[in-house]
Amino acid sequence: EGRDVKYLKISSSNFTDNSKPIYFMDATMHAREWV
């Protein structure tokens, strides 16, 4: 419907340190699960 799907990248090295692993989390894939 045209809403921007936005996310944050949080990093002390601006994602440039390839030795650091990444933790990816998402939420509200199901609309009614507000919490």
PDB file of all heavy atoms in Angstrom:
ATOM      1  N   GLU A   1       0.807  -1.221   0.000  1.00  0.00           N
ATOM      2  CA  GLU A   1       0.000   0.000   0.000  1.00  0.00           C
ATOM      3  C   GLU A   1       0.838   1.268   0.000  1.00  0.00           C
ATOM      4  O   GLU A   1       0.294   2.370   0.085  1.00  0.00           O
ATOM      5  CB  GLU A   1      -0.949  -0.004   1.201  1.00  0.00           C
ATOM      6  CG  GLU A   1      -2.020  -1.082   1.113  1.00  0.00           C
ATOM      7  CD  GLU A   1      -3.002  -1.067   2.259  1.00  0.00           C
ATOM      8  OE1 GLU A   1      -2.702  -0.477   3.324  1.00  0.00           O
ATOM      9  OE2 GLU A   1      -4.093  -1.651   2.114  1.00  0.00           O
ATOM     10  N   GLY A   2       2.163   1.123  -0.105  1.00  0.00           N
ATOM     11  CA  GLY A   2       3.012   2.290  -0.280  1.00  0.00           C
ATOM     12  C   GLY A   2       3.665   2.833   0.969  1.00  0.00           C
ATOM     13  O   GLY A   2       4.294   3.899   0.918  1.00  0.00           O
ATOM     14  N   ARG A   3       3.559   2.135   2.096  1.00  0.00           N
ATOM     15  CA  ARG A   3       4.242   2.590   3.308  1.00  0.00           C
ATOM     16  C   ARG A   3       5.711   2.170   3.261  1.00  0.00           C
ATOM     17  O   ARG A   3       6.030   1.068   2.851  1.00  0.00           O
ATOM     18  CB  ARG A   3       3.574   1.999   4.550  1.00  0.00           C
ATOM     19  CG  ARG A   3       2.156   2.503   4.781  1.00  0.00           C
ATOM     20  CD  ARG A   3       1.509   1.853   5.998  1.00  0.00           C
ATOM     21  NE  ARG A   3       0.187   2.414   6.236  1.00  0.00           N
ATOM     22  CZ  ARG A   3      -0.938   1.968   5.669  1.00  0.00           C
ATOM     23  NH1 ARG A   3      -0.874   0.922   4.849  1.00  0.00           N
ATOM     24  NH2 ARG A   3      -2.094   2.543   5.917  1.00  0.00           N
ATOM     25  N   ASP A   4       6.582   3.041   3.722  1.00  0.00           N
ATOM     26  CA  ASP A   4       8.004   2.708   3.766  1.00  0.00           C
ATOM     27  C   ASP A   4       8.256   1.626   4.812  1.00  0.00           C
ATOM     28  O   ASP A   4       7.821   1.756   5.958  1.00  0.00           O
ATOM     29  CB  ASP A   4       8.838   3.940   4.117  1.00  0.00           C
ATOM     30  CG  ASP A   4       8.859   4.958   2.985  1.00  0.00           C
ATOM     31  OD1 ASP A   4       8.661   4.557   1.830  1.00  0.00           O
ATOM     32  OD2 ASP A   4       9.073   6.154   3.269  1.00  0.00           O
ATOM     33  N   VAL A   5       8.940   0.578   4.395  1.00  0.00           N
ATOM     34  CA  VAL A   5       9.333  -0.491   5.326  1.00  0.00           C
ATOM     35  C   VAL A   5      10.766  -0.185   5.743  1.00  0.00           C
ATOM     36  O   VAL A   5      11.709  -0.447   5.002  1.00  0.00           O
ATOM     37  CB  VAL A   5       9.223  -1.882   4.669  1.00  0.00           C
ATOM     38  CG1 VAL A   5       9.646  -2.970   5.653  1.00  0.00           C
ATOM     39  CG2 VAL A   5       7.794  -2.128   4.181  1.00  0.00           C
ATOM     40  N   LYS A   6      10.923   0.370   6.949  1.00  0.00           N
ATOM     41  CA  LYS A   6      12.223   0.854   7.386  1.00  0.00           C
ATOM     42  C   LYS A   6      12.775   0.011   8.530  1.00  0.00           C
ATOM     43  O   LYS A   6      12.030  -0.557   9.317  1.00  0.00           O
ATOM     44  CB  LYS A   6      12.128   2.319   7.814  1.00  0.00           C
ATOM     45  CG  LYS A   6      11.818   3.267   6.657  1.00  0.00           C
ATOM     46  CD  LYS A   6      11.895   4.722   7.086  1.00  0.00           C
ATOM     47  CE  LYS A   6      11.684   5.662   5.893  1.00  0.00           C
ATOM     48  NZ  LYS A   6      11.826   7.084   6.285  1.00  0.00           N
ATOM     49  N   TYR A   7      14.109  -0.011   8.586  1.00  0.00           N
ATOM     50  CA  TYR A   7      14.776  -0.718   9.670  1.00  0.00           C
ATOM     51  C   TYR A   7      16.033   0.038  10.062  1.00  0.00           C
ATOM     52  O   TYR A   7      16.504   0.917   9.334  1.00  0.00           O
ATOM     53  CB  TYR A   7      15.101  -2.160   9.277  1.00  0.00           C
ATOM     54  CG  TYR A   7      16.007  -2.347   8.086  1.00  0.00           C
ATOM     55  CD1 TYR A   7      17.390  -2.446   8.229  1.00  0.00           C
ATOM     56  CD2 TYR A   7      15.487  -2.443   6.788  1.00  0.00           C
ATOM     57  CE1 TYR A   7      18.219  -2.633   7.137  1.00  0.00           C
ATOM     58  CE2 TYR A   7      16.309  -2.627   5.686  1.00  0.00           C
ATOM     59  CZ  TYR A   7      17.681  -2.722   5.875  1.00  0.00           C
ATOM     60  OH  TYR A   7      18.505  -2.906   4.790  1.00  0.00           O
ATOM     61  N   LEU A   8      16.576  -0.308  11.236  1.00  0.00           N
ATOM     62  CA  LEU A   8      17.802   0.307  11.713  1.00  0.00           C
ATOM     63  C   LEU A   8      18.962  -0.667  11.614  1.00  0.00           C
ATOM     64  O   LEU A   8      18.816  -1.858  11.907  1.00  0.00           O
ATOM     65  CB  LEU A   8      17.674   0.742  13.176  1.00  0.00           C
ATOM     66  CG  LEU A   8      16.788   1.933  13.516  1.00  0.00           C
ATOM     67  CD1 LEU A   8      17.006   2.344  14.968  1.00  0.00           C
ATOM     68  CD2 LEU A   8      16.996   3.119  12.591  1.00  0.00           C
ATOM     69  N   LYS A   9      20.113  -0.134  11.226  1.00  0.00           N
ATOM     70  CA  LYS A   9      21.385  -0.832  11.355  1.00  0.00           C
ATOM     71  C   LYS A   9      22.135  -0.143  12.486  1.00  0.00           C
ATOM     72  O   LYS A   9      22.354   1.077  12.436  1.00  0.00           O
ATOM     73  CB  LYS A   9      22.173  -0.760  10.041  1.00  0.00           C
ATOM     74  CG  LYS A   9      21.509  -1.508   8.902  1.00  0.00           C
ATOM     75  CD  LYS A   9      22.134  -1.186   7.551  1.00  0.00           C
ATOM     76  CE  LYS A   9      23.535  -1.744   7.430  1.00  0.00           C
ATOM     77  NZ  LYS A   9      24.085  -1.512   6.057  1.00  0.00           N
ATOM     78  N   ILE A  10      22.488  -0.917  13.500  1.00  0.00           N
ATOM     79  CA  ILE A  10      23.137  -0.366  14.686  1.00  0.00           C
ATOM     80  C   ILE A  10      24.518  -0.998  14.798  1.00  0.00           C
ATOM     81  O   ILE A  10      24.651  -2.224  14.874  1.00  0.00           O
ATOM     82  CB  ILE A  10      22.304  -0.646  15.950  1.00  0.00           C
ATOM     83  CG1 ILE A  10      20.894  -0.027  15.796  1.00  0.00           C
ATOM     84  CG2 ILE A  10      22.993  -0.096  17.187  1.00  0.00           C
ATOM     85  CD1 ILE A  10      19.935  -0.403  16.903  1.00  0.00           C
ATOM     86  N   SER A  11      25.551  -0.146  14.797  1.00  0.00           N
ATOM     87  CA  SER A  11      26.916  -0.671  14.729  1.00  0.00           C
ATOM     88  C   SER A  11      27.904   0.357  15.245  1.00  0.00           C
ATOM     89  O   SER A  11      27.797   1.546  14.922  1.00  0.00           O
ATOM     90  CB  SER A  11      27.256  -1.031  13.281  1.00  0.00           C
ATOM     91  OG  SER A  11      28.628  -1.334  13.126  1.00  0.00           O
ATOM     92  N   SER A  12      28.870  -0.109  16.015  1.00  0.00           N
ATOM     93  CA  SER A  12      29.938   0.788  16.484  1.00  0.00           C
ATOM     94  C   SER A  12      30.964   1.065  15.392  1.00  0.00           C
ATOM     95  O   SER A  12      31.802   1.949  15.529  1.00  0.00           O
ATOM     96  CB  SER A  12      30.636   0.179  17.706  1.00  0.00           C
ATOM     97  OG  SER A  12      31.237  -1.070  17.361  1.00  0.00           O
ATOM     98  N   SER A  13      30.892   0.303  14.305  1.00  0.00           N
ATOM     99  CA  SER A  13      31.869   0.459  13.220  1.00  0.00           C
ATOM    100  C   SER A  13      31.193   0.719  11.874  1.00  0.00           C
ATOM    101  O   SER A  13      31.799   0.505  10.823  1.00  0.00           O
ATOM    102  CB  SER A  13      32.743  -0.793  13.120  1.00  0.00           C
ATOM    103  OG  SER A  13      31.935  -1.951  12.951  1.00  0.00           O
ATOM    104  N   ASN A  14      29.924   1.133  11.922  1.00  0.00           N
ATOM    105  CA  ASN A  14      29.176   1.458  10.704  1.00  0.00           C
ATOM    106  C   ASN A  14      29.152   0.288   9.712  1.00  0.00           C
ATOM    107  O   ASN A  14      29.212   0.466   8.501  1.00  0.00           O
ATOM    108  CB  ASN A  14      29.753   2.704  10.029  1.00  0.00           C
ATOM    109  CG  ASN A  14      28.798   3.296   9.004  1.00  0.00           C
ATOM    110  OD1 ASN A  14      27.583   3.139   9.112  1.00  0.00           O
ATOM    111  ND2 ASN A  14      29.348   3.961   8.002  1.00  0.00           N
ATOM    112  N   PHE A  15      29.086  -0.928  10.255  1.00  0.00           N
ATOM    113  CA  PHE A  15      28.980  -2.150   9.447  1.00  0.00           C
ATOM    114  C   PHE A  15      30.194  -2.373   8.545  1.00  0.00           C
ATOM    115  O   PHE A  15      30.117  -3.085   7.551  1.00  0.00           O
ATOM    116  CB  PHE A  15      27.693  -2.141   8.621  1.00  0.00           C
ATOM    117  CG  PHE A  15      26.534  -2.818   9.314  1.00  0.00           C
ATOM    118  CD1 PHE A  15      25.973  -2.269  10.460  1.00  0.00           C
ATOM    119  CD2 PHE A  15      26.013  -4.013   8.837  1.00  0.00           C
ATOM    120  CE1 PHE A  15      24.905  -2.882  11.107  1.00  0.00           C
ATOM    121  CE2 PHE A  15      24.957  -4.643   9.484  1.00  0.00           C
ATOM    122  CZ  PHE A  15      24.408  -4.085  10.622  1.00  0.00           C
ATOM    123  N   THR A  16      31.325  -1.779   8.893  1.00  0.00           N
ATOM    124  CA  THR A  16      32.518  -1.940   8.058  1.00  0.00           C
ATOM    125  C   THR A  16      33.467  -3.013   8.580  1.00  0.00           C
ATOM    126  O   THR A  16      34.398  -3.404   7.880  1.00  0.00           O
ATOM    127  CB  THR A  16      33.291  -0.616   7.958  1.00  0.00           C
ATOM    128  OG1 THR A  16      33.691  -0.204   9.276  1.00  0.00           O
ATOM    129  CG2 THR A  16      32.452   0.466   7.312  1.00  0.00           C
ATOM    130  N   ASP A  17      33.243  -3.478   9.817  1.00  0.00           N
ATOM    131  CA  ASP A  17      34.119  -4.487  10.407  1.00  0.00           C
ATOM    132  C   ASP A  17      33.578  -5.874  10.063  1.00  0.00           C
ATOM    133  O   ASP A  17      32.621  -6.359  10.675  1.00  0.00           O
ATOM    134  CB  ASP A  17      34.175  -4.294  11.920  1.00  0.00           C
ATOM    135  CG  ASP A  17      35.177  -5.242  12.582  1.00  0.00           C
ATOM    136  OD1 ASP A  17      35.646  -6.183  11.916  1.00  0.00           O
ATOM    137  OD2 ASP A  17      35.452  -5.053  13.784  1.00  0.00           O
ATOM    138  N   ASN A  18      34.183  -6.511   9.090  1.00  0.00           N
ATOM    139  CA  ASN A  18      33.696  -7.807   8.620  1.00  0.00           C
ATOM    140  C   ASN A  18      33.966  -8.959   9.583  1.00  0.00           C
ATOM    141  O   ASN A  18      33.535 -10.083   9.336  1.00  0.00           O
ATOM    142  CB  ASN A  18      34.311  -8.128   7.253  1.00  0.00           C
ATOM    143  CG  ASN A  18      33.773  -7.232   6.161  1.00  0.00           C
ATOM    144  OD1 ASN A  18      32.620  -6.795   6.216  1.00  0.00           O
ATOM    145  ND2 ASN A  18      34.600  -6.928   5.176  1.00  0.00           N
ATOM    146  N   SER A  19      34.658  -8.678  10.676  1.00  0.00           N
ATOM    147  CA  SER A  19      34.895  -9.726  11.668  1.00  0.00           C
ATOM    148  C   SER A  19      33.750  -9.835  12.674  1.00  0.00           C
ATOM    149  O   SER A  19      33.708 -10.780  13.461  1.00  0.00           O
ATOM    150  CB  SER A  19      36.203  -9.448  12.421  1.00  0.00           C
ATOM    151  OG  SER A  19      36.076  -8.296  13.253  1.00  0.00           O
ATOM    152  N   LYS A  20      32.825  -8.883  12.631  1.00  0.00           N
ATOM    153  CA  LYS A  20      31.726  -8.883  13.606  1.00  0.00           C
ATOM    154  C   LYS A  20      30.503  -9.614  13.049  1.00  0.00           C
ATOM    155  O   LYS A  20      30.106  -9.376  11.904  1.00  0.00           O
ATOM    156  CB  LYS A  20      31.341  -7.447  13.957  1.00  0.00           C
ATOM    157  CG  LYS A  20      32.407  -6.685  14.720  1.00  0.00           C
ATOM    158  CD  LYS A  20      32.062  -5.208  14.852  1.00  0.00           C
ATOM    159  CE  LYS A  20      30.841  -4.971  15.710  1.00  0.00           C
ATOM    160  NZ  LYS A  20      30.588  -3.534  15.926  1.00  0.00           N
ATOM    161  N   PRO A  21      29.889 -10.489  13.839  1.00  0.00           N
ATOM    162  CA  PRO A  21      28.656 -11.143  13.402  1.00  0.00           C
ATOM    163  C   PRO A  21      27.473 -10.185  13.489  1.00  0.00           C
ATOM    164  O   PRO A  21      27.551  -9.126  14.135  1.00  0.00           O
ATOM    165  CB  PRO A  21      28.496 -12.292  14.398  1.00  0.00           C
ATOM    166  CG  PRO A  21      29.156 -11.791  15.638  1.00  0.00           C
ATOM    167  CD  PRO A  21      30.309 -10.936  15.176  1.00  0.00           C
ATOM    168  N   ILE A  22      26.385 -10.558  12.847  1.00  0.00           N
ATOM    169  CA  ILE A  22      25.184  -9.722  12.800  1.00  0.00           C
ATOM    170  C   ILE A  22      24.023 -10.463  13.446  1.00  0.00           C
ATOM    171  O   ILE A  22      23.807 -11.650  13.207  1.00  0.00           O
ATOM    172  CB  ILE A  22      24.826  -9.358  11.344  1.00  0.00           C
ATOM    173  CG1 ILE A  22      25.913  -8.462  10.752  1.00  0.00           C
ATOM    174  CG2 ILE A  22      23.463  -8.675  11.267  1.00  0.00           C
ATOM    175  CD1 ILE A  22      25.762  -8.234   9.253  1.00  0.00           C
ATOM    176  N   TYR A  23      23.279  -9.726  14.253  1.00  0.00           N
ATOM    177  CA  TYR A  23      22.042 -10.221  14.862  1.00  0.00           C
ATOM    178  C   TYR A  23      20.887  -9.469  14.186  1.00  0.00           C
ATOM    179  O   TYR A  23      20.790  -8.260  14.289  1.00  0.00           O
ATOM    180  CB  TYR A  23      22.054  -9.934  16.366  1.00  0.00           C
ATOM    181  CG  TYR A  23      21.054 -10.705  17.202  1.00  0.00           C
ATOM    182  CD1 TYR A  23      21.477 -11.501  18.259  1.00  0.00           C
ATOM    183  CD2 TYR A  23      19.684 -10.611  16.975  1.00  0.00           C
ATOM    184  CE1 TYR A  23      20.579 -12.216  19.051  1.00  0.00           C
ATOM    185  CE2 TYR A  23      18.771 -11.310  17.763  1.00  0.00           C
ATOM    186  CZ  TYR A  23      19.225 -12.106  18.800  1.00  0.00           C
ATOM    187  OH  TYR A  23      18.326 -12.793  19.585  1.00  0.00           O
ATOM    188  N   PHE A  24      20.025 -10.204  13.493  1.00  0.00           N
ATOM    189  CA  PHE A  24      18.893  -9.609  12.763  1.00  0.00           C
ATOM    190  C   PHE A  24      17.603 -10.036  13.434  1.00  0.00           C
ATOM    191  O   PHE A  24      17.340 -11.229  13.577  1.00  0.00           O
ATOM    192  CB  PHE A  24      18.928 -10.081  11.302  1.00  0.00           C
ATOM    193  CG  PHE A  24      17.734  -9.681  10.456  1.00  0.00           C
ATOM    194  CD1 PHE A  24      17.011  -8.527  10.713  1.00  0.00           C
ATOM    195  CD2 PHE A  24      17.355 -10.468   9.370  1.00  0.00           C
ATOM    196  CE1 PHE A  24      15.921  -8.156   9.929  1.00  0.00           C
ATOM    197  CE2 PHE A  24      16.272 -10.109   8.570  1.00  0.00           C
ATOM    198  CZ  PHE A  24      15.555  -8.959   8.852  1.00  0.00           C
ATOM    199  N   MET A  25      16.826  -9.065  13.877  1.00  0.00           N
ATOM    200  CA  MET A  25      15.514  -9.385  14.440  1.00  0.00           C
ATOM    201  C   MET A  25      14.432  -8.580  13.731  1.00  0.00           C
ATOM    202  O   MET A  25      14.659  -7.446  13.293  1.00  0.00           O
ATOM    203  CB  MET A  25      15.471  -9.117  15.945  1.00  0.00           C
ATOM    204  CG  MET A  25      15.441  -7.666  16.339  1.00  0.00           C
ATOM    205  SD  MET A  25      15.350  -7.430  18.131  1.00  0.00           S
ATOM    206  CE  MET A  25      17.058  -7.712  18.587  1.00  0.00           C
ATOM    207  N   ASP A  26      13.267  -9.198  13.589  1.00  0.00           N
ATOM    208  CA  ASP A  26      12.121  -8.475  13.054  1.00  0.00           C
ATOM    209  C   ASP A  26      10.886  -8.799  13.878  1.00  0.00           C
ATOM    210  O   ASP A  26      10.875  -9.738  14.682  1.00  0.00           O
ATOM    211  CB  ASP A  26      11.906  -8.750  11.561  1.00  0.00           C
ATOM    212  CG  ASP A  26      11.598 -10.203  11.246  1.00  0.00           C
ATOM    213  OD1 ASP A  26      10.859 -10.856  12.007  1.00  0.00           O
ATOM    214  OD2 ASP A  26      12.073 -10.699  10.195  1.00  0.00           O
ATOM    215  N   ALA A  27       9.847  -7.999  13.701  1.00  0.00           N
ATOM    216  CA  ALA A  27       8.627  -8.149  14.488  1.00  0.00           C
ATOM    217  C   ALA A  27       7.421  -7.758  13.647  1.00  0.00           C
ATOM    218  O   ALA A  27       7.548  -7.194  12.557  1.00  0.00           O
ATOM    219  CB  ALA A  27       8.703  -7.281  15.744  1.00  0.00           C
ATOM    220  N   THR A  28       6.261  -8.079  14.163  1.00  0.00           N
ATOM    221  CA  THR A  28       4.973  -7.706  13.570  1.00  0.00           C
ATOM    222  C   THR A  28       4.853  -8.169  12.126  1.00  0.00           C
ATOM    223  O   THR A  28       4.388  -7.444  11.260  1.00  0.00           O
ATOM    224  CB  THR A  28       4.714  -6.184  13.690  1.00  0.00           C
ATOM    225  OG1 THR A  28       5.330  -5.685  14.873  1.00  0.00           O
ATOM    226  CG2 THR A  28       3.224  -5.895  13.775  1.00  0.00           C
ATOM    227  N   MET A  29       5.275  -9.386  11.887  1.00  0.00           N
ATOM    228  CA  MET A  29       4.996 -10.028  10.605  1.00  0.00           C
ATOM    229  C   MET A  29       3.514 -10.343  10.515  1.00  0.00           C
ATOM    230  O   MET A  29       2.900 -10.267   9.444  1.00  0.00           O
ATOM    231  CB  MET A  29       5.840 -11.296  10.480  1.00  0.00           C
ATOM    232  CG  MET A  29       5.882 -11.900   9.095  1.00  0.00           C
ATOM    233  SD  MET A  29       7.146 -13.199   8.939  1.00  0.00           S
ATOM    234  CE  MET A  29       8.621 -12.242   8.641  1.00  0.00           C
ATOM    235  N   HIS A  30       2.926 -10.679  11.671  1.00  0.00           N
ATOM    236  CA  HIS A  30       1.481 -10.850  11.798  1.00  0.00           C
ATOM    237  C   HIS A  30       0.907  -9.602  12.453  1.00  0.00           C
ATOM    238  O   HIS A  30       1.290  -9.238  13.573  1.00  0.00           O
ATOM    239  CB  HIS A  30       1.153 -12.091  12.620  1.00  0.00           C
ATOM    240  CG  HIS A  30       1.479 -13.369  11.918  1.00  0.00           C
ATOM    241  ND1 HIS A  30       1.831 -14.521  12.587  1.00  0.00           N
ATOM    242  CD2 HIS A  30       1.500 -13.682  10.591  1.00  0.00           C
ATOM    243  CE1 HIS A  30       2.045 -15.496  11.704  1.00  0.00           C
ATOM    244  NE2 HIS A  30       1.860 -14.999  10.488  1.00  0.00           N
ATOM    245  N   ALA A  31      -0.011  -8.954  11.766  1.00  0.00           N
ATOM    246  CA  ALA A  31      -0.436  -7.599  12.116  1.00  0.00           C
ATOM    247  C   ALA A  31      -0.994  -7.474  13.527  1.00  0.00           C
ATOM    248  O   ALA A  31      -0.750  -6.483  14.216  1.00  0.00           O
ATOM    249  CB  ALA A  31      -1.479  -7.128  11.097  1.00  0.00           C
ATOM    250  N   ARG A  32      -1.743  -8.463  13.971  1.00  0.00           N
ATOM    251  CA  ARG A  32      -2.461  -8.343  15.243  1.00  0.00           C
ATOM    252  C   ARG A  32      -1.554  -8.518  16.461  1.00  0.00           C
ATOM    253  O   ARG A  32      -1.989  -8.286  17.603  1.00  0.00           O
ATOM    254  CB  ARG A  32      -3.564  -9.384  15.296  1.00  0.00           C
ATOM    255  CG  ARG A  32      -3.086 -10.830  15.279  1.00  0.00           C
ATOM    256  CD  ARG A  32      -4.226 -11.770  15.010  1.00  0.00           C
ATOM    257  NE  ARG A  32      -3.797 -13.173  14.947  1.00  0.00           N
ATOM    258  CZ  ARG A  32      -4.587 -14.157  14.504  1.00  0.00           C
ATOM    259  NH1 ARG A  32      -5.803 -13.873  14.065  1.00  0.00           N
ATOM    260  NH2 ARG A  32      -4.161 -15.397  14.486  1.00  0.00           N
ATOM    261  N   GLU A  33      -0.309  -8.894  16.256  1.00  0.00           N
ATOM    262  CA  GLU A  33       0.595  -9.189  17.365  1.00  0.00           C
ATOM    263  C   GLU A  33       1.296  -7.907  17.812  1.00  0.00           C
ATOM    264  O   GLU A  33       2.516  -7.757  17.723  1.00  0.00           O
ATOM    265  CB  GLU A  33       1.559 -10.294  16.949  1.00  0.00           C
ATOM    266  CG  GLU A  33       0.815 -11.594  16.654  1.00  0.00           C
ATOM    267  CD  GLU A  33       1.658 -12.671  15.981  1.00  0.00           C
ATOM    268  OE1 GLU A  33       2.894 -12.501  15.903  1.00  0.00           O
ATOM    269  OE2 GLU A  33       1.075 -13.678  15.534  1.00  0.00           O
ATOM    270  N   TRP A  34       0.492  -6.968  18.308  1.00  0.00           N
ATOM    271  CA  TRP A  34       0.973  -5.634  18.626  1.00  0.00           C
ATOM    272  C   TRP A  34       2.132  -5.626  19.616  1.00  0.00           C
ATOM    273  O   TRP A  34       3.021  -4.783  19.528  1.00  0.00           O
ATOM    274  CB  TRP A  34      -0.161  -4.792  19.214  1.00  0.00           C
ATOM    275  CG  TRP A  34      -1.224  -4.383  18.250  1.00  0.00           C
ATOM    276  CD1 TRP A  34      -1.337  -4.749  16.937  1.00  0.00           C
ATOM    277  CD2 TRP A  34      -2.330  -3.534  18.543  1.00  0.00           C
ATOM    278  NE1 TRP A  34      -2.455  -4.164  16.389  1.00  0.00           N
ATOM    279  CE2 TRP A  34      -3.086  -3.419  17.339  1.00  0.00           C
ATOM    280  CE3 TRP A  34      -2.769  -2.868  19.681  1.00  0.00           C
ATOM    281  CZ2 TRP A  34      -4.251  -2.646  17.271  1.00  0.00           C
ATOM    282  CZ3 TRP A  34      -3.927  -2.104  19.616  1.00  0.00           C
ATOM    283  CH2 TRP A  34      -4.661  -1.991  18.416  1.00  0.00           C
ATOM    284  N   VAL A  35       2.127  -6.545  20.566  1.00  0.00           N
ATOM    285  CA  VAL A  35       3.116  -6.487  21.644  1.00  0.00           C
ATOM    286  C   VAL A  35       4.527  -6.787  21.141  1.00  0.00           C
ATOM    287  O   VAL A  35       5.505  -6.494  21.829  1.00  0.00           O
ATOM    288  CB  VAL A  35       2.715  -7.448  22.784  1.00  0.00           C
ATOM    289  CG1 VAL A  35       2.984  -8.908  22.417  1.00  0.00           C
ATOM    290  CG2 VAL A  35       3.404  -7.078  24.085  1.00  0.00           C
TER     291      VAL A  35
END
